[in-house]
Amino acid sequence: MSDYGLNFGFRRSDESMRSGNEGRQKVPATGTWFQGDLVTFDPANPGFIMKAAADAPIAPGYTGLLIQEDAWDLGVHGNQYKTSVDLRTVINDRLCSIWTGGGLKIWLKNTAATTKAGQRAAAAVTVVTVAGLAIGDYLKWDGAKYVEGASEAVSVARVTSTNGVDYVEATLLR
């Protein structure tokens, strides 16, 4: 199992299962982007990504999961120590990858805001609507987060496990 912060990770990410890994696109300079967001090429801004539209299917090499493995890419004036809170948000105006691959298994977890004494505050993050999801249900992208899908045609994954509160595991369809 791997994690890309507190809200997204892979349960199974066998490189031989990846059918798409476009890595020459950049995250826009503005906006909030999370590991695992569904993204696609931005035709209006060549070389950049944009969040996929609601009900967008995965299209290998074009539309898929946003992954950025640039935790080492620290600005000289930035936070020199990275935690899971830092890793969940990707770095704007930096290169990223778009991952696809039927059979890749991911996990998604919503997190509450934290304000514990002695720790940095972190805002709440909702990456999936968990209420009502059951094993076998489809997950689709609504333009901002994953929600229950009505059919495979408009979905990106199928639920394989959930705690019914804040956590889902799913397998990508394409």
C-alpha atoms as a PDB file:
ATOM      1  CA  MET A   1       0.000   0.000   0.000  1.00  0.00           C
ATOM      2  CA  SER A   2       1.213   3.509  -0.744  1.00  0.00           C
ATOM      3  CA  ASP A   3      -0.085   6.873   0.228  1.00  0.00           C
ATOM      4  CA  TYR A   4       0.039  10.259  -1.382  1.00  0.00           C
ATOM      5  CA  GLY A   5      -1.010  12.140   1.712  1.00  0.00           C
ATOM      6  CA  LEU A   6      -3.994  11.609   3.962  1.00  0.00           C
ATOM      7  CA  ASN A   7      -6.692  11.399   1.292  1.00  0.00           C
ATOM      8  CA  PHE A   8      -5.456   9.151  -1.517  1.00  0.00           C
ATOM      9  CA  GLY A   9      -3.199   6.214  -2.179  1.00  0.00           C
ATOM     10  CA  PHE A  10      -2.771   2.930  -4.007  1.00  0.00           C
ATOM     11  CA  ARG A  11      -3.653  -0.448  -2.507  1.00  0.00           C
ATOM     12  CA  ARG A  12      -2.279  -2.093  -5.655  1.00  0.00           C
ATOM     13  CA  SER A  13      -0.175  -0.145  -8.145  1.00  0.00           C
ATOM     14  CA  ASP A  14       1.687  -2.766 -10.126  1.00  0.00           C
ATOM     15  CA  GLU A  15       3.524  -0.868 -12.863  1.00  0.00           C
ATOM     16  CA  SER A  16       2.656  -3.584 -15.391  1.00  0.00           C
ATOM     17  CA  MET A  17      -1.053  -2.749 -14.893  1.00  0.00           C
ATOM     18  CA  ARG A  18      -0.665   0.916 -15.809  1.00  0.00           C
ATOM     19  CA  SER A  19      -2.011   1.593 -19.269  1.00  0.00           C
ATOM     20  CA  GLY A  20      -1.449   5.317 -19.222  1.00  0.00           C
ATOM     21  CA  ASN A  21       1.124   7.483 -17.529  1.00  0.00           C
ATOM     22  CA  GLU A  22       1.328  10.811 -19.263  1.00  0.00           C
ATOM     23  CA  GLY A  23       3.918  12.811 -17.378  1.00  0.00           C
ATOM     24  CA  ARG A  24       4.674  15.890 -19.447  1.00  0.00           C
ATOM     25  CA  GLN A  25       1.802  18.078 -18.283  1.00  0.00           C
ATOM     26  CA  LYS A  26       1.898  20.775 -15.615  1.00  0.00           C
ATOM     27  CA  VAL A  27      -0.468  21.673 -12.819  1.00  0.00           C
ATOM     28  CA  PRO A  28      -1.846  25.218 -13.317  1.00  0.00           C
ATOM     29  CA  ALA A  29      -0.306  27.996 -11.249  1.00  0.00           C
ATOM     30  CA  THR A  30      -3.554  28.637  -9.381  1.00  0.00           C
ATOM     31  CA  GLY A  31      -6.195  26.483  -7.740  1.00  0.00           C
ATOM     32  CA  THR A  32      -6.176  23.640  -5.252  1.00  0.00           C
ATOM     33  CA  TRP A  33      -5.291  20.236  -6.612  1.00  0.00           C
ATOM     34  CA  PHE A  34      -5.223  16.965  -4.675  1.00  0.00           C
ATOM     35  CA  GLN A  35      -3.434  13.701  -5.341  1.00  0.00           C
ATOM     36  CA  GLY A  36      -5.937  11.394  -7.050  1.00  0.00           C
ATOM     37  CA  ASP A  37      -8.161  14.109  -8.554  1.00  0.00           C
ATOM     38  CA  LEU A  38      -9.529  13.132 -11.955  1.00  0.00           C
ATOM     39  CA  VAL A  39      -7.783  15.373 -14.479  1.00  0.00           C
ATOM     40  CA  THR A  40      -7.373  15.691 -18.224  1.00  0.00           C
ATOM     41  CA  PHE A  41      -5.377  17.690 -20.774  1.00  0.00           C
ATOM     42  CA  ASP A  42      -6.430  21.323 -21.023  1.00  0.00           C
ATOM     43  CA  PRO A  43      -6.832  22.082 -24.755  1.00  0.00           C
ATOM     44  CA  ALA A  44      -7.106  25.831 -24.039  1.00  0.00           C
ATOM     45  CA  ASN A  45      -3.724  25.785 -22.233  1.00  0.00           C
ATOM     46  CA  PRO A  46      -1.371  23.347 -23.984  1.00  0.00           C
ATOM     47  CA  GLY A  47       1.018  21.651 -21.594  1.00  0.00           C
ATOM     48  CA  PHE A  48      -1.337  22.011 -18.609  1.00  0.00           C
ATOM     49  CA  ILE A  49      -4.023  19.878 -17.000  1.00  0.00           C
ATOM     50  CA  MET A  50      -7.507  20.781 -15.822  1.00  0.00           C
ATOM     51  CA  LYS A  51      -9.975  18.959 -13.585  1.00  0.00           C
ATOM     52  CA  ALA A  52     -12.068  16.550 -15.607  1.00  0.00           C
ATOM     53  CA  ALA A  53     -15.706  17.404 -16.211  1.00  0.00           C
ATOM     54  CA  ALA A  54     -18.454  15.633 -14.303  1.00  0.00           C
ATOM     55  CA  ASP A  55     -19.099  12.092 -15.588  1.00  0.00           C
ATOM     56  CA  ALA A  56     -15.835  12.069 -17.564  1.00  0.00           C
ATOM     57  CA  PRO A  57     -14.589   8.527 -18.172  1.00  0.00           C
ATOM     58  CA  ILE A  58     -10.962   7.542 -17.812  1.00  0.00           C
ATOM     59  CA  ALA A  59      -9.170   7.755 -21.165  1.00  0.00           C
ATOM     60  CA  PRO A  60      -5.692   6.178 -20.941  1.00  0.00           C
ATOM     61  CA  GLY A  61      -2.977   8.710 -21.699  1.00  0.00           C
ATOM     62  CA  TYR A  62      -5.428  11.639 -21.573  1.00  0.00           C
ATOM     63  CA  THR A  63      -7.817  11.545 -18.583  1.00  0.00           C
ATOM     64  CA  GLY A  64      -6.958   9.850 -15.298  1.00  0.00           C
ATOM     65  CA  LEU A  65      -5.674  10.218 -11.753  1.00  0.00           C
ATOM     66  CA  LEU A  66      -3.471  13.200 -10.877  1.00  0.00           C
ATOM     67  CA  ILE A  67      -0.217  11.992  -9.352  1.00  0.00           C
ATOM     68  CA  GLN A  68       2.718  14.196  -8.417  1.00  0.00           C
ATOM     69  CA  GLU A  69       5.792  12.623  -6.907  1.00  0.00           C
ATOM     70  CA  ASP A  70       7.723  15.829  -6.379  1.00  0.00           C
ATOM     71  CA  ALA A  71       7.898  15.826  -2.578  1.00  0.00           C
ATOM     72  CA  TRP A  72      11.634  16.397  -2.973  1.00  0.00           C
ATOM     73  CA  ASP A  73      10.980  19.614  -4.908  1.00  0.00           C
ATOM     74  CA  LEU A  74      11.138  22.045  -2.003  1.00  0.00           C
ATOM     75  CA  GLY A  75      11.301  25.781  -2.466  1.00  0.00           C
ATOM     76  CA  VAL A  76      14.147  27.504  -0.642  1.00  0.00           C
ATOM     77  CA  HIS A  77      11.623  29.563   1.332  1.00  0.00           C
ATOM     78  CA  GLY A  78       9.020  26.802   1.689  1.00  0.00           C
ATOM     79  CA  ASN A  79       8.375  24.253   4.381  1.00  0.00           C
ATOM     80  CA  GLN A  80      11.509  22.108   4.541  1.00  0.00           C
ATOM     81  CA  TYR A  81       9.734  19.277   6.337  1.00  0.00           C
ATOM     82  CA  LYS A  82       6.905  17.454   4.570  1.00  0.00           C
ATOM     83  CA  THR A  83       4.136  15.589   6.377  1.00  0.00           C
ATOM     84  CA  SER A  84       1.137  13.664   5.073  1.00  0.00           C
ATOM     85  CA  VAL A  85      -0.832  16.914   5.274  1.00  0.00           C
ATOM     86  CA  ASP A  86       1.595  18.519   2.823  1.00  0.00           C
ATOM     87  CA  LEU A  87       1.674  15.578   0.414  1.00  0.00           C
ATOM     88  CA  ARG A  88      -2.079  15.499  -0.214  1.00  0.00           C
ATOM     89  CA  THR A  89      -1.990  18.810  -2.102  1.00  0.00           C
ATOM     90  CA  VAL A  90       0.080  18.882  -5.266  1.00  0.00           C
ATOM     91  CA  ILE A  91       2.485  21.718  -6.010  1.00  0.00           C
ATOM     92  CA  ASN A  92       1.088  24.252  -8.462  1.00  0.00           C
ATOM     93  CA  ASP A  93       3.014  25.124 -11.634  1.00  0.00           C
ATOM     94  CA  ARG A  94       4.999  21.854 -11.501  1.00  0.00           C
ATOM     95  CA  LEU A  95       5.003  18.704 -13.635  1.00  0.00           C
ATOM     96  CA  CYS A  96       2.577  15.902 -12.856  1.00  0.00           C
ATOM     97  CA  SER A  97       1.501  12.499 -14.162  1.00  0.00           C
ATOM     98  CA  ILE A  98      -1.893  11.233 -15.253  1.00  0.00           C
ATOM     99  CA  TRP A  99      -2.293   7.588 -14.249  1.00  0.00           C
ATOM    100  CA  THR A 100      -4.770   5.065 -15.625  1.00  0.00           C
ATOM    101  CA  GLY A 101      -4.962   1.297 -15.690  1.00  0.00           C
ATOM    102  CA  GLY A 102      -7.787  -1.172 -15.262  1.00  0.00           C
ATOM    103  CA  GLY A 103      -7.229  -3.152 -12.076  1.00  0.00           C
ATOM    104  CA  LEU A 104      -5.254  -0.501 -10.198  1.00  0.00           C
ATOM    105  CA  LYS A 105      -6.721  -0.388  -6.718  1.00  0.00           C
ATOM    106  CA  ILE A 106      -6.963   2.973  -4.932  1.00  0.00           C
ATOM    107  CA  TRP A 107      -8.131   4.194  -1.559  1.00  0.00           C
ATOM    108  CA  LEU A 108      -9.860   7.493  -0.796  1.00  0.00           C
ATOM    109  CA  LYS A 109     -10.336   8.991   2.659  1.00  0.00           C
ATOM    110  CA  ASN A 110     -12.074  12.164   3.784  1.00  0.00           C
ATOM    111  CA  THR A 111     -10.346  14.007   6.596  1.00  0.00           C
ATOM    112  CA  ALA A 112     -11.703  16.359   9.216  1.00  0.00           C
ATOM    113  CA  ALA A 113     -10.070  19.678  10.019  1.00  0.00           C
ATOM    114  CA  THR A 114      -7.337  19.456  12.642  1.00  0.00           C
ATOM    115  CA  THR A 115      -6.364  22.085  15.156  1.00  0.00           C
ATOM    116  CA  LYS A 116      -4.400  19.998  17.666  1.00  0.00           C
ATOM    117  CA  ALA A 117      -2.094  21.920  19.973  1.00  0.00           C
ATOM    118  CA  GLY A 118       1.490  21.795  18.782  1.00  0.00           C
ATOM    119  CA  GLN A 119       0.559  20.852  15.222  1.00  0.00           C
ATOM    120  CA  ARG A 120      -0.157  22.851  12.118  1.00  0.00           C
ATOM    121  CA  ALA A 121      -3.830  23.374  11.420  1.00  0.00           C
ATOM    122  CA  ALA A 122      -5.227  21.523   8.416  1.00  0.00           C
ATOM    123  CA  ALA A 123      -8.505  22.161   6.636  1.00  0.00           C
ATOM    124  CA  ALA A 124     -11.057  19.399   6.142  1.00  0.00           C
ATOM    125  CA  VAL A 125     -10.856  17.622   2.795  1.00  0.00           C
ATOM    126  CA  THR A 126     -13.675  15.680   1.130  1.00  0.00           C
ATOM    127  CA  VAL A 127     -12.541  13.558  -1.814  1.00  0.00           C
ATOM    128  CA  VAL A 128     -15.436  11.076  -1.915  1.00  0.00           C
ATOM    129  CA  THR A 129     -19.095  10.948  -0.908  1.00  0.00           C
ATOM    130  CA  VAL A 130     -19.193   7.759   1.157  1.00  0.00           C
ATOM    131  CA  ALA A 131     -22.764   7.731   2.503  1.00  0.00           C
ATOM    132  CA  GLY A 132     -24.813   5.078   0.747  1.00  0.00           C
ATOM    133  CA  LEU A 133     -21.893   3.392  -1.033  1.00  0.00           C
ATOM    134  CA  ALA A 134     -21.752  -0.398  -0.965  1.00  0.00           C
ATOM    135  CA  ILE A 135     -19.328  -2.970  -2.319  1.00  0.00           C
ATOM    136  CA  GLY A 136     -19.919  -3.318  -6.055  1.00  0.00           C
ATOM    137  CA  ASP A 137     -21.191   0.241  -6.548  1.00  0.00           C
ATOM    138  CA  TYR A 138     -19.584   2.416  -9.191  1.00  0.00           C
ATOM    139  CA  LEU A 139     -17.658   5.628  -8.502  1.00  0.00           C
ATOM    140  CA  LYS A 140     -17.752   8.557 -10.886  1.00  0.00           C
ATOM    141  CA  TRP A 141     -16.220  12.034 -10.808  1.00  0.00           C
ATOM    142  CA  ASP A 142     -18.595  14.985 -10.264  1.00  0.00           C
ATOM    143  CA  GLY A 143     -16.046  17.624 -11.253  1.00  0.00           C
ATOM    144  CA  ALA A 144     -14.674  18.034  -7.715  1.00  0.00           C
ATOM    145  CA  LYS A 145     -14.861  14.658  -5.917  1.00  0.00           C
ATOM    146  CA  TYR A 146     -15.851  11.020  -6.375  1.00  0.00           C
ATOM    147  CA  VAL A 147     -19.527  10.091  -5.924  1.00  0.00           C
ATOM    148  CA  GLU A 148     -21.722   7.075  -6.615  1.00  0.00           C
ATOM    149  CA  GLY A 149     -22.091   6.392 -10.331  1.00  0.00           C
ATOM    150  CA  ALA A 150     -25.196   4.982 -11.981  1.00  0.00           C
ATOM    151  CA  SER A 151     -23.390   2.840 -14.540  1.00  0.00           C
ATOM    152  CA  GLU A 152     -19.991   1.736 -15.769  1.00  0.00           C
ATOM    153  CA  ALA A 153     -20.298   4.118 -18.752  1.00  0.00           C
ATOM    154  CA  VAL A 154     -19.953   7.252 -16.583  1.00  0.00           C
ATOM    155  CA  SER A 155     -17.776   5.749 -13.853  1.00  0.00           C
ATOM    156  CA  VAL A 156     -14.058   5.437 -13.258  1.00  0.00           C
ATOM    157  CA  ALA A 157     -13.939   2.733 -10.570  1.00  0.00           C
ATOM    158  CA  ARG A 158     -15.866   0.069  -8.678  1.00  0.00           C
ATOM    159  CA  VAL A 159     -16.069  -0.022  -4.867  1.00  0.00           C
ATOM    160  CA  THR A 160     -14.347  -3.028  -3.270  1.00  0.00           C
ATOM    161  CA  SER A 161     -14.444  -1.905   0.379  1.00  0.00           C
ATOM    162  CA  THR A 162     -15.860   0.918   2.494  1.00  0.00           C
ATOM    163  CA  ASN A 163     -16.332   1.710   6.149  1.00  0.00           C
ATOM    164  CA  GLY A 164     -19.512   3.646   5.307  1.00  0.00           C
ATOM    165  CA  VAL A 165     -18.207   6.803   7.003  1.00  0.00           C
ATOM    166  CA  ASP A 166     -15.079   8.296   5.441  1.00  0.00           C
ATOM    167  CA  TYR A 167     -13.098   5.585   3.600  1.00  0.00           C
ATOM    168  CA  VAL A 168     -13.466   3.770   0.267  1.00  0.00           C
ATOM    169  CA  GLU A 169     -11.325   1.350  -1.691  1.00  0.00           C
ATOM    170  CA  ALA A 170     -12.032   0.930  -5.399  1.00  0.00           C
ATOM    171  CA  THR A 171     -10.588  -0.668  -8.507  1.00  0.00           C
ATOM    172  CA  LEU A 172     -10.141   1.420 -11.667  1.00  0.00           C
ATOM    173  CA  LEU A 173     -12.203   0.265 -14.629  1.00  0.00           C
ATOM    174  CA  ARG A 174      -9.768   1.486 -17.329  1.00  0.00           C
END
